[in-house]
Amino acid sequence: MKLNNLFYIFTFFFLLFNSCRQEIPINKVSSELKIGLSDDSTEVILSKVPLYMIEELRSDSLKNTEWINFFAIYKDTSDQELRDFQSALKGTYTIADKMIRFKPTIEFKPGVSYFARCYTKILLRKPEDIITTRKLFTTGDFIEFKFSSGK
């Protein structure tokens, strides 16, 4: 009878410790995303975009105003407070393979600094990740890439 009780006590503590342990989800998506310039410096490329996002973006017909809520390019300024209040550059977005390309309407000017942002807060989370972690904002707000066109 004591051996039987010992088994139940061991099982109880085993379940208790393993059920209370929470794994911190590592959101690899935002760390895998890469922003860069094309070889000829005419386009900004967001690469290593997850397939489920590519499929969702292809199924939606997004307007330019909707694209900039996810991936936008701005002219850089020295005033850090004004950076967040600038208008995004206008251009065209195309989806190919696991990348999104942005080509501005007016070409990048040589010697002028720009920055690209991909807003990763909610858009890079799968719905099932949000349900299991019960957290909406585990990733950073955005990833940023600073560049200047050197044509």
N, C-alpha and C. Protein backbone atom coordinates (compact mmCIF):
# COMPACT_ATOMS: atom_id res chain seq x y z
N MET A 1 0.81 -1.19 0.00
CA MET A 1 0.00 0.00 0.00
C MET A 1 0.86 1.27 0.00
N LYS A 2 1.99 1.28 0.72
CA LYS A 2 2.86 2.45 0.74
C LYS A 2 3.50 2.68 -0.62
N LEU A 3 3.82 1.63 -1.32
CA LEU A 3 4.40 1.75 -2.65
C LEU A 3 3.39 2.37 -3.62
N ASN A 4 2.15 1.99 -3.46
CA ASN A 4 1.08 2.55 -4.29
C ASN A 4 0.93 4.04 -4.02
N ASN A 5 0.98 4.48 -2.76
CA ASN A 5 0.89 5.90 -2.42
C ASN A 5 2.09 6.66 -2.94
N LEU A 6 3.24 6.07 -2.85
CA LEU A 6 4.46 6.70 -3.37
C LEU A 6 4.35 6.94 -4.87
N PHE A 7 3.78 5.98 -5.58
CA PHE A 7 3.57 6.14 -7.02
C PHE A 7 2.66 7.34 -7.30
N TYR A 8 1.57 7.46 -6.56
CA TYR A 8 0.63 8.57 -6.77
C TYR A 8 1.26 9.91 -6.40
N ILE A 9 2.04 9.94 -5.37
CA ILE A 9 2.72 11.18 -4.97
C ILE A 9 3.72 11.59 -6.04
N PHE A 10 4.49 10.63 -6.53
CA PHE A 10 5.45 10.92 -7.59
C PHE A 10 4.73 11.43 -8.83
N THR A 11 3.66 10.78 -9.22
CA THR A 11 2.88 11.19 -10.40
C THR A 11 2.30 12.59 -10.21
N PHE A 12 1.79 12.87 -9.04
CA PHE A 12 1.22 14.18 -8.75
C PHE A 12 2.26 15.29 -8.93
N PHE A 13 3.44 15.11 -8.33
CA PHE A 13 4.48 16.13 -8.45
C PHE A 13 5.03 16.23 -9.87
N PHE A 14 5.13 15.13 -10.54
CA PHE A 14 5.58 15.14 -11.93
C PHE A 14 4.62 15.96 -12.79
N LEU A 15 3.34 15.71 -12.66
CA LEU A 15 2.35 16.47 -13.42
C LEU A 15 2.30 17.93 -13.00
N LEU A 16 2.43 18.17 -11.72
CA LEU A 16 2.41 19.54 -11.22
C LEU A 16 3.55 20.37 -11.80
N PHE A 17 4.76 19.85 -11.75
CA PHE A 17 5.92 20.60 -12.23
C PHE A 17 5.91 20.75 -13.75
N ASN A 18 5.49 19.74 -14.45
CA ASN A 18 5.48 19.84 -15.92
C ASN A 18 4.32 20.66 -16.45
N SER A 19 3.22 20.69 -15.77
CA SER A 19 2.09 21.48 -16.26
C SER A 19 2.27 22.96 -15.95
N CYS A 20 3.00 23.30 -14.93
CA CYS A 20 3.21 24.70 -14.56
C CYS A 20 4.34 25.35 -15.35
N ARG A 21 5.16 24.54 -15.95
CA ARG A 21 6.28 25.08 -16.73
C ARG A 21 5.75 25.69 -18.01
N GLN A 22 6.09 26.94 -18.26
CA GLN A 22 5.66 27.60 -19.48
C GLN A 22 6.88 27.83 -20.35
N GLU A 23 6.74 27.45 -21.58
CA GLU A 23 7.81 27.71 -22.51
C GLU A 23 7.60 29.08 -23.11
N ILE A 24 8.65 29.82 -23.19
CA ILE A 24 8.57 31.14 -23.81
C ILE A 24 8.71 30.93 -25.31
N PRO A 25 7.67 31.29 -26.06
CA PRO A 25 7.75 31.06 -27.50
C PRO A 25 8.80 31.97 -28.13
N ILE A 26 9.59 31.38 -28.96
CA ILE A 26 10.60 32.16 -29.67
C ILE A 26 10.03 32.46 -31.04
N ASN A 27 9.82 33.72 -31.30
CA ASN A 27 9.25 34.08 -32.58
C ASN A 27 10.38 34.24 -33.58
N LYS A 28 10.63 33.20 -34.33
CA LYS A 28 11.72 33.20 -35.29
C LYS A 28 11.43 34.06 -36.49
N VAL A 29 10.15 34.29 -36.76
CA VAL A 29 9.78 34.98 -37.98
C VAL A 29 10.42 36.36 -38.06
N SER A 30 10.28 37.15 -37.01
CA SER A 30 10.82 38.51 -37.08
C SER A 30 12.34 38.51 -37.14
N SER A 31 12.99 37.50 -36.55
CA SER A 31 14.44 37.46 -36.60
C SER A 31 14.94 36.93 -37.94
N GLU A 32 14.10 36.19 -38.66
CA GLU A 32 14.51 35.65 -39.95
C GLU A 32 14.27 36.63 -41.09
N LEU A 33 13.34 37.54 -40.93
CA LEU A 33 13.05 38.51 -41.99
C LEU A 33 14.29 39.35 -42.28
N LYS A 34 14.52 39.59 -43.55
CA LYS A 34 15.66 40.41 -43.95
C LYS A 34 15.17 41.49 -44.91
N ILE A 35 15.66 42.69 -44.69
CA ILE A 35 15.37 43.81 -45.59
C ILE A 35 16.67 44.22 -46.24
N GLY A 36 16.64 44.41 -47.54
CA GLY A 36 17.85 44.82 -48.25
C GLY A 36 17.51 45.48 -49.57
N LEU A 37 18.55 45.95 -50.25
CA LEU A 37 18.38 46.57 -51.56
C LEU A 37 18.62 45.53 -52.65
N SER A 38 17.99 45.75 -53.78
CA SER A 38 18.26 44.90 -54.94
C SER A 38 19.67 45.20 -55.44
N ASP A 39 20.17 44.35 -56.33
CA ASP A 39 21.54 44.52 -56.85
C ASP A 39 21.75 45.87 -57.53
N ASP A 40 20.71 46.36 -58.21
CA ASP A 40 20.85 47.64 -58.90
C ASP A 40 20.38 48.84 -58.06
N SER A 41 20.05 48.59 -56.80
CA SER A 41 19.62 49.63 -55.83
C SER A 41 18.37 50.38 -56.26
N THR A 42 17.50 49.75 -57.03
CA THR A 42 16.27 50.42 -57.44
C THR A 42 15.06 49.93 -56.64
N GLU A 43 15.22 48.83 -55.90
CA GLU A 43 14.12 48.26 -55.15
C GLU A 43 14.57 47.88 -53.74
N VAL A 44 13.62 47.91 -52.82
CA VAL A 44 13.86 47.41 -51.47
C VAL A 44 13.17 46.05 -51.39
N ILE A 45 13.89 45.06 -50.85
CA ILE A 45 13.37 43.69 -50.83
C ILE A 45 13.22 43.21 -49.39
N LEU A 46 12.04 42.74 -49.06
CA LEU A 46 11.79 42.07 -47.79
C LEU A 46 11.79 40.58 -48.09
N SER A 47 12.81 39.87 -47.59
CA SER A 47 12.95 38.46 -47.92
C SER A 47 12.74 37.57 -46.70
N LYS A 48 12.65 36.28 -46.96
CA LYS A 48 12.40 35.24 -45.96
C LYS A 48 11.06 35.44 -45.25
N VAL A 49 10.07 35.85 -46.03
CA VAL A 49 8.72 36.02 -45.51
C VAL A 49 8.08 34.63 -45.44
N PRO A 50 7.44 34.29 -44.33
CA PRO A 50 6.82 32.96 -44.20
C PRO A 50 5.77 32.71 -45.29
N LEU A 51 5.69 31.46 -45.71
CA LEU A 51 4.79 31.07 -46.79
C LEU A 51 3.33 31.39 -46.48
N TYR A 52 2.91 31.20 -45.22
CA TYR A 52 1.50 31.48 -44.90
C TYR A 52 1.18 32.96 -45.09
N MET A 53 2.18 33.84 -44.85
CA MET A 53 1.95 35.27 -45.06
C MET A 53 1.91 35.60 -46.54
N ILE A 54 2.80 34.99 -47.32
CA ILE A 54 2.82 35.23 -48.76
C ILE A 54 1.48 34.83 -49.37
N GLU A 55 0.97 33.67 -48.99
CA GLU A 55 -0.32 33.21 -49.51
C GLU A 55 -1.45 34.15 -49.13
N GLU A 56 -1.42 34.63 -47.90
CA GLU A 56 -2.46 35.55 -47.45
C GLU A 56 -2.37 36.89 -48.18
N LEU A 57 -1.16 37.39 -48.38
CA LEU A 57 -0.99 38.66 -49.08
C LEU A 57 -1.38 38.53 -50.55
N ARG A 58 -1.09 37.38 -51.15
CA ARG A 58 -1.49 37.17 -52.55
C ARG A 58 -3.00 37.11 -52.70
N SER A 59 -3.68 36.52 -51.73
CA SER A 59 -5.14 36.39 -51.83
C SER A 59 -5.84 37.74 -51.64
N ASP A 60 -5.20 38.65 -50.92
CA ASP A 60 -5.77 39.99 -50.74
C ASP A 60 -5.25 40.89 -51.84
N SER A 61 -6.08 41.81 -52.27
CA SER A 61 -5.60 42.81 -53.23
C SER A 61 -5.42 44.11 -52.43
N LEU A 62 -4.22 44.31 -51.94
CA LEU A 62 -3.95 45.45 -51.07
C LEU A 62 -3.67 46.71 -51.88
N LYS A 63 -4.19 47.82 -51.38
CA LYS A 63 -3.88 49.12 -51.95
C LYS A 63 -2.60 49.62 -51.30
N ASN A 64 -2.00 50.65 -51.88
CA ASN A 64 -0.76 51.21 -51.35
C ASN A 64 -0.92 51.65 -49.90
N THR A 65 -2.07 52.22 -49.56
CA THR A 65 -2.30 52.68 -48.19
C THR A 65 -2.34 51.51 -47.20
N GLU A 66 -2.73 50.34 -47.68
CA GLU A 66 -2.75 49.16 -46.81
C GLU A 66 -1.36 48.51 -46.71
N TRP A 67 -0.60 48.55 -47.79
CA TRP A 67 0.75 47.99 -47.77
C TRP A 67 1.63 48.72 -46.76
N ILE A 68 1.50 50.03 -46.69
CA ILE A 68 2.41 50.79 -45.81
C ILE A 68 2.16 50.52 -44.34
N ASN A 69 1.04 49.89 -44.00
CA ASN A 69 0.82 49.49 -42.62
C ASN A 69 1.65 48.27 -42.25
N PHE A 70 2.20 47.61 -43.24
CA PHE A 70 3.00 46.41 -43.03
C PHE A 70 4.47 46.62 -43.39
N PHE A 71 4.72 47.17 -44.57
CA PHE A 71 6.09 47.34 -45.08
C PHE A 71 6.16 48.68 -45.79
N ALA A 72 6.97 49.60 -45.27
CA ALA A 72 7.01 50.95 -45.83
C ALA A 72 8.44 51.47 -45.88
N ILE A 73 8.67 52.39 -46.82
CA ILE A 73 9.99 53.01 -46.99
C ILE A 73 9.80 54.52 -46.82
N TYR A 74 10.73 55.11 -46.09
CA TYR A 74 10.65 56.54 -45.77
C TYR A 74 11.98 57.22 -46.10
N LYS A 75 11.90 58.53 -46.36
CA LYS A 75 13.10 59.35 -46.48
C LYS A 75 13.59 59.63 -45.07
N ASP A 76 14.86 59.42 -44.81
CA ASP A 76 15.39 59.57 -43.45
C ASP A 76 15.55 61.05 -43.11
N THR A 77 15.45 61.34 -41.84
CA THR A 77 15.63 62.69 -41.33
C THR A 77 16.52 62.64 -40.10
N SER A 78 17.20 63.72 -39.82
CA SER A 78 18.09 63.74 -38.66
C SER A 78 17.31 63.92 -37.36
N ASP A 79 16.09 64.44 -37.45
CA ASP A 79 15.26 64.64 -36.26
C ASP A 79 14.55 63.33 -35.92
N GLN A 80 14.96 62.71 -34.82
CA GLN A 80 14.43 61.41 -34.43
C GLN A 80 12.93 61.45 -34.11
N GLU A 81 12.45 62.58 -33.62
CA GLU A 81 11.03 62.69 -33.28
C GLU A 81 10.14 62.72 -34.52
N LEU A 82 10.65 63.26 -35.63
CA LEU A 82 9.86 63.37 -36.85
C LEU A 82 9.86 62.08 -37.67
N ARG A 83 10.78 61.17 -37.40
CA ARG A 83 10.87 59.93 -38.18
C ARG A 83 9.56 59.16 -38.20
N ASP A 84 8.87 59.13 -37.07
CA ASP A 84 7.65 58.33 -36.96
C ASP A 84 6.42 59.02 -37.56
N PHE A 85 6.56 60.27 -37.96
CA PHE A 85 5.41 61.01 -38.46
C PHE A 85 5.52 61.35 -39.95
N GLN A 86 6.48 60.80 -40.63
CA GLN A 86 6.67 61.07 -42.05
C GLN A 86 5.71 60.24 -42.90
N SER A 87 5.49 60.72 -44.10
CA SER A 87 4.70 59.95 -45.06
C SER A 87 5.62 58.94 -45.74
N ALA A 88 5.08 57.77 -45.99
CA ALA A 88 5.84 56.73 -46.68
C ALA A 88 5.97 57.09 -48.16
N LEU A 89 7.05 56.61 -48.78
CA LEU A 89 7.23 56.82 -50.21
C LEU A 89 6.17 56.04 -50.98
N LYS A 90 5.76 56.59 -52.11
CA LYS A 90 4.79 55.90 -52.96
C LYS A 90 5.55 55.02 -53.94
N GLY A 91 4.92 53.90 -54.26
CA GLY A 91 5.55 52.98 -55.19
C GLY A 91 4.69 51.75 -55.40
N THR A 92 5.28 50.74 -56.00
CA THR A 92 4.54 49.51 -56.26
C THR A 92 5.15 48.36 -55.47
N TYR A 93 4.28 47.49 -54.99
CA TYR A 93 4.68 46.31 -54.25
C TYR A 93 4.40 45.08 -55.10
N THR A 94 5.37 44.19 -55.17
CA THR A 94 5.17 42.92 -55.87
C THR A 94 5.61 41.78 -54.97
N ILE A 95 4.94 40.65 -55.15
CA ILE A 95 5.24 39.46 -54.36
C ILE A 95 5.84 38.41 -55.28
N ALA A 96 6.99 37.86 -54.88
CA ALA A 96 7.63 36.80 -55.65
C ALA A 96 8.31 35.84 -54.68
N ASP A 97 8.07 34.55 -54.86
CA ASP A 97 8.63 33.51 -53.99
C ASP A 97 8.37 33.85 -52.53
N LYS A 98 9.43 33.97 -51.74
CA LYS A 98 9.29 34.30 -50.31
C LYS A 98 9.74 35.74 -50.06
N MET A 99 9.47 36.62 -51.01
CA MET A 99 9.91 38.01 -50.84
C MET A 99 8.87 38.99 -51.35
N ILE A 100 8.95 40.19 -50.80
CA ILE A 100 8.11 41.30 -51.22
C ILE A 100 9.05 42.40 -51.70
N ARG A 101 8.77 42.92 -52.89
CA ARG A 101 9.62 43.96 -53.48
C ARG A 101 8.86 45.28 -53.51
N PHE A 102 9.57 46.35 -53.19
CA PHE A 102 9.00 47.69 -53.28
C PHE A 102 9.85 48.50 -54.25
N LYS A 103 9.20 49.05 -55.27
CA LYS A 103 9.88 49.93 -56.22
C LYS A 103 9.22 51.29 -56.13
N PRO A 104 9.98 52.33 -55.76
CA PRO A 104 9.37 53.66 -55.60
C PRO A 104 8.95 54.26 -56.94
N THR A 105 7.93 55.10 -56.88
CA THR A 105 7.47 55.78 -58.09
C THR A 105 8.58 56.69 -58.62
N ILE A 106 9.21 57.43 -57.73
CA ILE A 106 10.35 58.27 -58.09
C ILE A 106 11.60 57.56 -57.55
N GLU A 107 12.58 57.34 -58.41
CA GLU A 107 13.77 56.57 -58.03
C GLU A 107 14.46 57.16 -56.79
N PHE A 108 15.16 56.28 -56.07
CA PHE A 108 15.96 56.73 -54.93
C PHE A 108 17.04 57.66 -55.44
N LYS A 109 17.23 58.78 -54.73
CA LYS A 109 18.24 59.76 -55.13
C LYS A 109 19.59 59.37 -54.53
N PRO A 110 20.66 59.45 -55.31
CA PRO A 110 21.99 59.12 -54.79
C PRO A 110 22.38 60.06 -53.65
N GLY A 111 22.95 59.50 -52.59
CA GLY A 111 23.41 60.29 -51.46
C GLY A 111 22.33 60.63 -50.44
N VAL A 112 21.09 60.34 -50.74
CA VAL A 112 19.99 60.61 -49.82
C VAL A 112 19.75 59.36 -48.97
N SER A 113 19.57 59.55 -47.68
CA SER A 113 19.35 58.42 -46.78
C SER A 113 17.87 58.09 -46.69
N TYR A 114 17.59 56.80 -46.63
CA TYR A 114 16.24 56.28 -46.51
C TYR A 114 16.23 55.21 -45.44
N PHE A 115 15.05 54.84 -44.99
CA PHE A 115 14.93 53.68 -44.12
C PHE A 115 13.65 52.93 -44.46
N ALA A 116 13.74 51.62 -44.33
CA ALA A 116 12.59 50.74 -44.58
C ALA A 116 12.18 50.11 -43.26
N ARG A 117 10.88 49.97 -43.08
CA ARG A 117 10.37 49.33 -41.87
C ARG A 117 9.36 48.25 -42.24
N CYS A 118 9.49 47.14 -41.56
CA CYS A 118 8.49 46.08 -41.64
C CYS A 118 7.87 45.99 -40.26
N TYR A 119 6.59 46.29 -40.19
CA TYR A 119 5.88 46.30 -38.91
C TYR A 119 5.45 44.87 -38.59
N THR A 120 6.08 44.30 -37.59
CA THR A 120 5.92 42.87 -37.30
C THR A 120 5.04 42.58 -36.10
N LYS A 121 4.43 43.57 -35.53
CA LYS A 121 3.75 43.39 -34.24
C LYS A 121 2.74 42.25 -34.26
N ILE A 122 1.71 42.33 -35.05
CA ILE A 122 0.68 41.29 -35.07
C ILE A 122 0.73 40.52 -36.37
N LEU A 123 1.14 41.16 -37.42
CA LEU A 123 1.03 40.54 -38.74
C LEU A 123 1.85 39.28 -38.91
N LEU A 124 2.91 39.11 -38.15
CA LEU A 124 3.75 37.93 -38.31
C LEU A 124 3.38 36.80 -37.37
N ARG A 125 2.31 36.94 -36.64
CA ARG A 125 1.88 35.91 -35.71
C ARG A 125 0.78 35.09 -36.33
N LYS A 126 0.87 33.79 -36.22
CA LYS A 126 -0.21 32.92 -36.65
C LYS A 126 -1.31 33.00 -35.59
N PRO A 127 -2.56 32.88 -35.98
CA PRO A 127 -3.65 32.94 -34.99
C PRO A 127 -3.50 31.89 -33.89
N GLU A 128 -3.04 30.70 -34.25
CA GLU A 128 -2.90 29.66 -33.22
C GLU A 128 -1.79 30.01 -32.21
N ASP A 129 -0.78 30.78 -32.64
CA ASP A 129 0.26 31.23 -31.70
C ASP A 129 -0.32 32.21 -30.69
N ILE A 130 -1.19 33.08 -31.15
CA ILE A 130 -1.81 34.06 -30.26
C ILE A 130 -2.70 33.35 -29.24
N ILE A 131 -3.42 32.33 -29.70
CA ILE A 131 -4.31 31.60 -28.80
C ILE A 131 -3.52 30.82 -27.76
N THR A 132 -2.45 30.14 -28.18
CA THR A 132 -1.70 29.32 -27.23
C THR A 132 -0.89 30.15 -26.25
N THR A 133 -0.34 31.28 -26.69
CA THR A 133 0.47 32.10 -25.78
C THR A 133 -0.36 33.12 -25.02
N ARG A 134 -1.55 33.41 -25.52
CA ARG A 134 -2.44 34.41 -24.93
C ARG A 134 -1.79 35.78 -24.84
N LYS A 135 -0.90 36.05 -25.79
CA LYS A 135 -0.24 37.35 -25.84
C LYS A 135 -0.29 37.85 -27.28
N LEU A 136 -0.57 39.13 -27.42
CA LEU A 136 -0.62 39.69 -28.76
C LEU A 136 0.71 40.29 -29.19
N PHE A 137 1.46 40.85 -28.28
CA PHE A 137 2.62 41.64 -28.67
C PHE A 137 3.92 41.06 -28.13
N THR A 138 4.28 39.86 -28.57
CA THR A 138 5.54 39.29 -28.09
C THR A 138 6.71 39.68 -28.98
N THR A 139 6.45 40.15 -30.20
CA THR A 139 7.55 40.59 -31.05
C THR A 139 7.71 42.09 -30.90
N GLY A 140 8.79 42.62 -31.44
CA GLY A 140 8.98 44.05 -31.42
C GLY A 140 8.01 44.73 -32.37
N ASP A 141 7.98 46.03 -32.32
CA ASP A 141 7.06 46.77 -33.17
C ASP A 141 7.43 46.65 -34.64
N PHE A 142 8.72 46.74 -34.96
CA PHE A 142 9.14 46.71 -36.35
C PHE A 142 10.60 46.32 -36.44
N ILE A 143 10.99 45.95 -37.67
CA ILE A 143 12.41 45.81 -37.97
C ILE A 143 12.74 46.91 -38.97
N GLU A 144 13.95 47.42 -38.91
CA GLU A 144 14.30 48.59 -39.70
C GLU A 144 15.60 48.35 -40.46
N PHE A 145 15.68 48.96 -41.64
CA PHE A 145 16.86 48.87 -42.49
C PHE A 145 17.15 50.27 -43.02
N LYS A 146 18.34 50.81 -42.71
CA LYS A 146 18.74 52.12 -43.19
C LYS A 146 19.65 51.95 -44.40
N PHE A 147 19.47 52.81 -45.38
CA PHE A 147 20.27 52.69 -46.60
C PHE A 147 20.31 54.02 -47.33
N SER A 148 21.24 54.13 -48.26
CA SER A 148 21.27 55.24 -49.21
C SER A 148 21.66 54.66 -50.55
N SER A 149 21.04 55.17 -51.58
CA SER A 149 21.27 54.66 -52.91
C SER A 149 22.61 55.16 -53.42
N GLY A 150 23.43 54.27 -53.87
CA GLY A 150 24.77 54.66 -54.34
C GLY A 150 24.94 54.46 -55.82
N LYS A 151 24.00 54.95 -56.62
CA LYS A 151 24.09 54.78 -58.08
C LYS A 151 25.18 55.60 -58.66
